[in-house]
Amino acid sequence: KMQEVMPEKPNTYAKRFYYDSIVFDPNALKHLIQTFGATQVVAGSDFPFAMGDPDPVSFIRGAGLDAATERALLYENARRFLGQD
């Protein structure tokens, strides 16, 4: 049986994905940022579903992040993802 080999470690690939900020806890958000990088997390709301965060901007602003990280999560990362940068 032939085993496929990934040329890079799985966490290298995981750091290429984008993750939304809907984690409901500032410490969980900080862990997400620490694990995957501030450039890979975007503000999320889960709108129109009721289980989402009703005010994701306030959640991010109240999480105790530095200004550059807030800016990245609130709009810079989404712009880059959408090719508007």
Protein backbone atom coordinates (compact mmCIF):
# COMPACT_ATOMS: atom_id res chain seq x y z
CA LYS A 1 0.00 0.00 0.00
CA MET A 2 1.40 3.35 -1.02
CA GLN A 3 1.30 6.13 1.57
CA GLU A 4 0.88 9.69 0.37
CA VAL A 5 3.26 12.20 1.84
CA MET A 6 2.45 15.82 2.43
CA PRO A 7 5.40 18.01 1.49
CA GLU A 8 4.72 20.29 4.47
CA LYS A 9 3.43 19.83 8.01
CA PRO A 10 -0.37 20.12 8.45
CA ASN A 11 -0.05 23.29 10.55
CA THR A 12 1.69 24.97 7.61
CA TYR A 13 -1.41 24.40 5.49
CA ALA A 14 -3.75 25.42 8.33
CA LYS A 15 -2.03 28.80 8.49
CA ARG A 16 -3.12 29.44 4.90
CA PHE A 17 -6.84 29.21 5.71
CA TYR A 18 -8.99 32.08 6.92
CA TYR A 19 -10.89 31.78 10.22
CA ASP A 20 -13.77 33.88 11.48
CA SER A 21 -13.81 35.61 14.84
CA ILE A 22 -16.98 33.94 16.15
CA VAL A 23 -15.55 32.19 19.18
CA PHE A 24 -17.58 34.03 21.88
CA ASP A 25 -14.61 34.44 24.22
CA PRO A 26 -11.74 36.95 24.04
CA ASN A 27 -9.21 34.33 25.20
CA ALA A 28 -10.34 31.94 22.48
CA LEU A 29 -9.95 34.73 19.91
CA LYS A 30 -6.43 35.45 21.17
CA HIS A 31 -5.61 31.74 20.94
CA LEU A 32 -6.93 31.61 17.37
CA ILE A 33 -4.75 34.59 16.46
CA GLN A 34 -1.72 33.14 18.21
CA THR A 35 -2.19 29.76 16.53
CA PHE A 36 -2.92 30.84 12.95
CA GLY A 37 -1.77 34.46 12.81
CA ALA A 38 -3.57 37.79 12.90
CA THR A 39 -3.49 37.88 9.10
CA GLN A 40 -5.73 34.80 8.89
CA VAL A 41 -8.66 35.85 11.10
CA VAL A 42 -11.59 37.92 9.82
CA ALA A 43 -14.59 39.42 11.56
CA GLY A 44 -17.60 37.15 11.35
CA SER A 45 -21.24 37.44 12.34
CA ASP A 46 -23.03 34.25 11.14
CA PHE A 47 -25.77 36.58 9.90
CA PRO A 48 -28.64 35.83 9.33
CA PHE A 49 -28.50 32.93 11.78
CA ALA A 50 -29.46 33.61 15.41
CA MET A 51 -26.48 31.71 16.83
CA GLY A 52 -23.99 34.34 15.65
CA ASP A 53 -22.57 37.37 17.37
CA PRO A 54 -25.00 40.31 17.21
CA ASP A 55 -22.14 42.84 17.45
CA PRO A 56 -18.88 41.31 16.17
CA VAL A 57 -17.14 44.69 15.91
CA SER A 58 -17.64 45.40 19.61
CA PHE A 59 -16.48 41.87 20.46
CA ILE A 60 -13.23 42.37 18.56
CA ARG A 61 -12.69 45.88 19.93
CA GLY A 62 -13.32 44.64 23.47
CA ALA A 63 -10.99 41.64 23.24
CA GLY A 64 -7.88 43.56 24.32
CA LEU A 65 -6.06 43.34 21.00
CA ASP A 66 -3.58 45.92 19.77
CA ALA A 67 -4.77 48.47 17.20
CA ALA A 68 -2.99 46.81 14.26
CA THR A 69 -4.58 43.43 15.02
CA GLU A 70 -8.03 45.00 15.39
CA ARG A 71 -7.60 46.74 12.04
CA ALA A 72 -6.52 43.48 10.41
CA LEU A 73 -9.51 41.54 11.74
CA LEU A 74 -12.06 44.26 11.09
CA TYR A 75 -11.21 45.02 7.48
CA GLU A 76 -7.65 44.51 6.18
CA ASN A 77 -7.80 40.70 6.08
CA ALA A 78 -11.17 40.65 4.34
CA ARG A 79 -9.95 43.14 1.74
CA ARG A 80 -6.88 41.00 1.06
CA PHE A 81 -9.00 37.81 0.87
CA LEU A 82 -11.36 39.52 -1.62
CA GLY A 83 -8.44 40.79 -3.70
CA GLN A 84 -9.14 44.45 -2.95
CA ASP A 85 -5.68 45.20 -1.63
